[in-house]
Amino acid sequence: SSSPPTQKRQLFSTNTGPKKSTNTGGWAKDAPKQPLSAPDNKQLKKESPTIFKLIQGYMGDRKSKTPIDQV
């Protein structure tokens, strides 16, 4: 009969430290510093940070003076 492998198998990573990644996707509480896409419309480009903040307020990620039902 053969003996079991001596190498330890690992199912999950034990690295629990902070991840150093340049991934631009994912969740963030801060507004993006640069647009995720390049809107051609200057008005849309100007309004996008405000819209982002309104969405965060609606989702409960940001405190808002405006009630959710009025957003």
C-alpha atoms as a PDB file:
ATOM      1  CA  SER A   1       0.000   0.000   0.000  1.00  0.00           C
ATOM      2  CA  SER A   2       1.248   3.500  -0.778  1.00  0.00           C
ATOM      3  CA  SER A   3       1.756   6.095   1.921  1.00  0.00           C
ATOM      4  CA  PRO A   4      -0.208   9.384   1.857  1.00  0.00           C
ATOM      5  CA  PRO A   5       1.520  12.415   0.387  1.00  0.00           C
ATOM      6  CA  THR A   6       3.716  14.251   2.869  1.00  0.00           C
ATOM      7  CA  GLN A   7       2.992  17.667   1.362  1.00  0.00           C
ATOM      8  CA  LYS A   8       0.278  19.582   3.209  1.00  0.00           C
ATOM      9  CA  ARG A   9      -2.673  20.632   1.060  1.00  0.00           C
ATOM     10  CA  GLN A  10      -4.187  24.026   1.659  1.00  0.00           C
ATOM     11  CA  LEU A  11      -7.777  24.863   0.733  1.00  0.00           C
ATOM     12  CA  PHE A  12      -7.877  28.500   1.801  1.00  0.00           C
ATOM     13  CA  SER A  13      -5.252  31.199   1.741  1.00  0.00           C
ATOM     14  CA  THR A  14      -3.839  32.226   5.097  1.00  0.00           C
ATOM     15  CA  ASN A  15      -2.813  35.645   3.827  1.00  0.00           C
ATOM     16  CA  THR A  16      -5.147  37.995   5.702  1.00  0.00           C
ATOM     17  CA  GLY A  17      -3.110  41.178   5.313  1.00  0.00           C
ATOM     18  CA  PRO A  18      -4.183  44.159   3.243  1.00  0.00           C
ATOM     19  CA  LYS A  19      -4.247  43.530  -0.462  1.00  0.00           C
ATOM     20  CA  LYS A  20      -2.066  45.693  -2.625  1.00  0.00           C
ATOM     21  CA  SER A  21      -3.918  45.889  -5.868  1.00  0.00           C
ATOM     22  CA  THR A  22      -4.257  48.395  -8.653  1.00  0.00           C
ATOM     23  CA  ASN A  23      -7.713  47.068  -9.474  1.00  0.00           C
ATOM     24  CA  THR A  24      -9.993  50.050 -10.128  1.00  0.00           C
ATOM     25  CA  GLY A  25     -13.172  48.029  -9.620  1.00  0.00           C
ATOM     26  CA  GLY A  26     -14.785  47.069  -6.367  1.00  0.00           C
ATOM     27  CA  TRP A  27     -16.453  48.943  -3.527  1.00  0.00           C
ATOM     28  CA  ALA A  28     -15.337  52.309  -2.270  1.00  0.00           C
ATOM     29  CA  LYS A  29     -16.920  54.913  -0.016  1.00  0.00           C
ATOM     30  CA  ASP A  30     -15.018  57.767  -1.607  1.00  0.00           C
ATOM     31  CA  ALA A  31     -16.040  59.208  -4.931  1.00  0.00           C
ATOM     32  CA  PRO A  32     -13.815  58.177  -7.846  1.00  0.00           C
ATOM     33  CA  LYS A  33     -11.047  60.675  -8.535  1.00  0.00           C
ATOM     34  CA  GLN A  34     -11.349  60.154 -12.269  1.00  0.00           C
ATOM     35  CA  PRO A  35     -14.308  59.102 -14.411  1.00  0.00           C
ATOM     36  CA  LEU A  36     -14.805  55.385 -15.014  1.00  0.00           C
ATOM     37  CA  SER A  37     -15.730  56.188 -18.594  1.00  0.00           C
ATOM     38  CA  ALA A  38     -15.065  59.222 -20.723  1.00  0.00           C
ATOM     39  CA  PRO A  39     -18.371  61.052 -21.212  1.00  0.00           C
ATOM     40  CA  ASP A  40     -18.391  63.312 -24.249  1.00  0.00           C
ATOM     41  CA  ASN A  41     -21.058  65.529 -22.724  1.00  0.00           C
ATOM     42  CA  LYS A  42     -19.446  68.230 -20.542  1.00  0.00           C
ATOM     43  CA  GLN A  43     -22.655  68.719 -18.545  1.00  0.00           C
ATOM     44  CA  LEU A  44     -22.781  65.002 -17.715  1.00  0.00           C
ATOM     45  CA  LYS A  45     -19.115  65.062 -16.723  1.00  0.00           C
ATOM     46  CA  LYS A  46     -19.830  67.979 -14.392  1.00  0.00           C
ATOM     47  CA  GLU A  47     -22.915  66.362 -12.810  1.00  0.00           C
ATOM     48  CA  SER A  48     -21.520  62.846 -12.353  1.00  0.00           C
ATOM     49  CA  PRO A  49     -19.870  63.420  -8.911  1.00  0.00           C
ATOM     50  CA  THR A  50     -23.142  64.847  -7.575  1.00  0.00           C
ATOM     51  CA  ILE A  51     -25.113  61.927  -8.988  1.00  0.00           C
ATOM     52  CA  PHE A  52     -22.634  59.497  -7.407  1.00  0.00           C
ATOM     53  CA  LYS A  53     -23.108  61.161  -4.014  1.00  0.00           C
ATOM     54  CA  LEU A  54     -26.898  61.039  -4.390  1.00  0.00           C
ATOM     55  CA  ILE A  55     -26.731  57.312  -5.149  1.00  0.00           C
ATOM     56  CA  GLN A  56     -24.551  56.756  -2.089  1.00  0.00           C
ATOM     57  CA  GLY A  57     -27.086  58.645   0.032  1.00  0.00           C
ATOM     58  CA  TYR A  58     -29.942  56.558  -1.342  1.00  0.00           C
ATOM     59  CA  MET A  59     -28.072  53.307  -0.678  1.00  0.00           C
ATOM     60  CA  GLY A  60     -27.252  54.411   2.882  1.00  0.00           C
ATOM     61  CA  ASP A  61     -23.498  54.609   2.333  1.00  0.00           C
ATOM     62  CA  ARG A  62     -23.443  58.369   2.901  1.00  0.00           C
ATOM     63  CA  LYS A  63     -25.300  60.607   5.323  1.00  0.00           C
ATOM     64  CA  SER A  64     -27.719  62.831   3.477  1.00  0.00           C
ATOM     65  CA  LYS A  65     -29.783  65.842   4.513  1.00  0.00           C
ATOM     66  CA  THR A  66     -32.372  64.894   1.906  1.00  0.00           C
ATOM     67  CA  PRO A  67     -34.769  62.093   2.911  1.00  0.00           C
ATOM     68  CA  ILE A  68     -34.456  58.940   0.794  1.00  0.00           C
ATOM     69  CA  ASP A  69     -37.971  59.274  -0.605  1.00  0.00           C
ATOM     70  CA  GLN A  70     -37.096  62.707  -2.050  1.00  0.00           C
ATOM     71  CA  VAL A  71     -33.897  61.645  -3.810  1.00  0.00           C
END
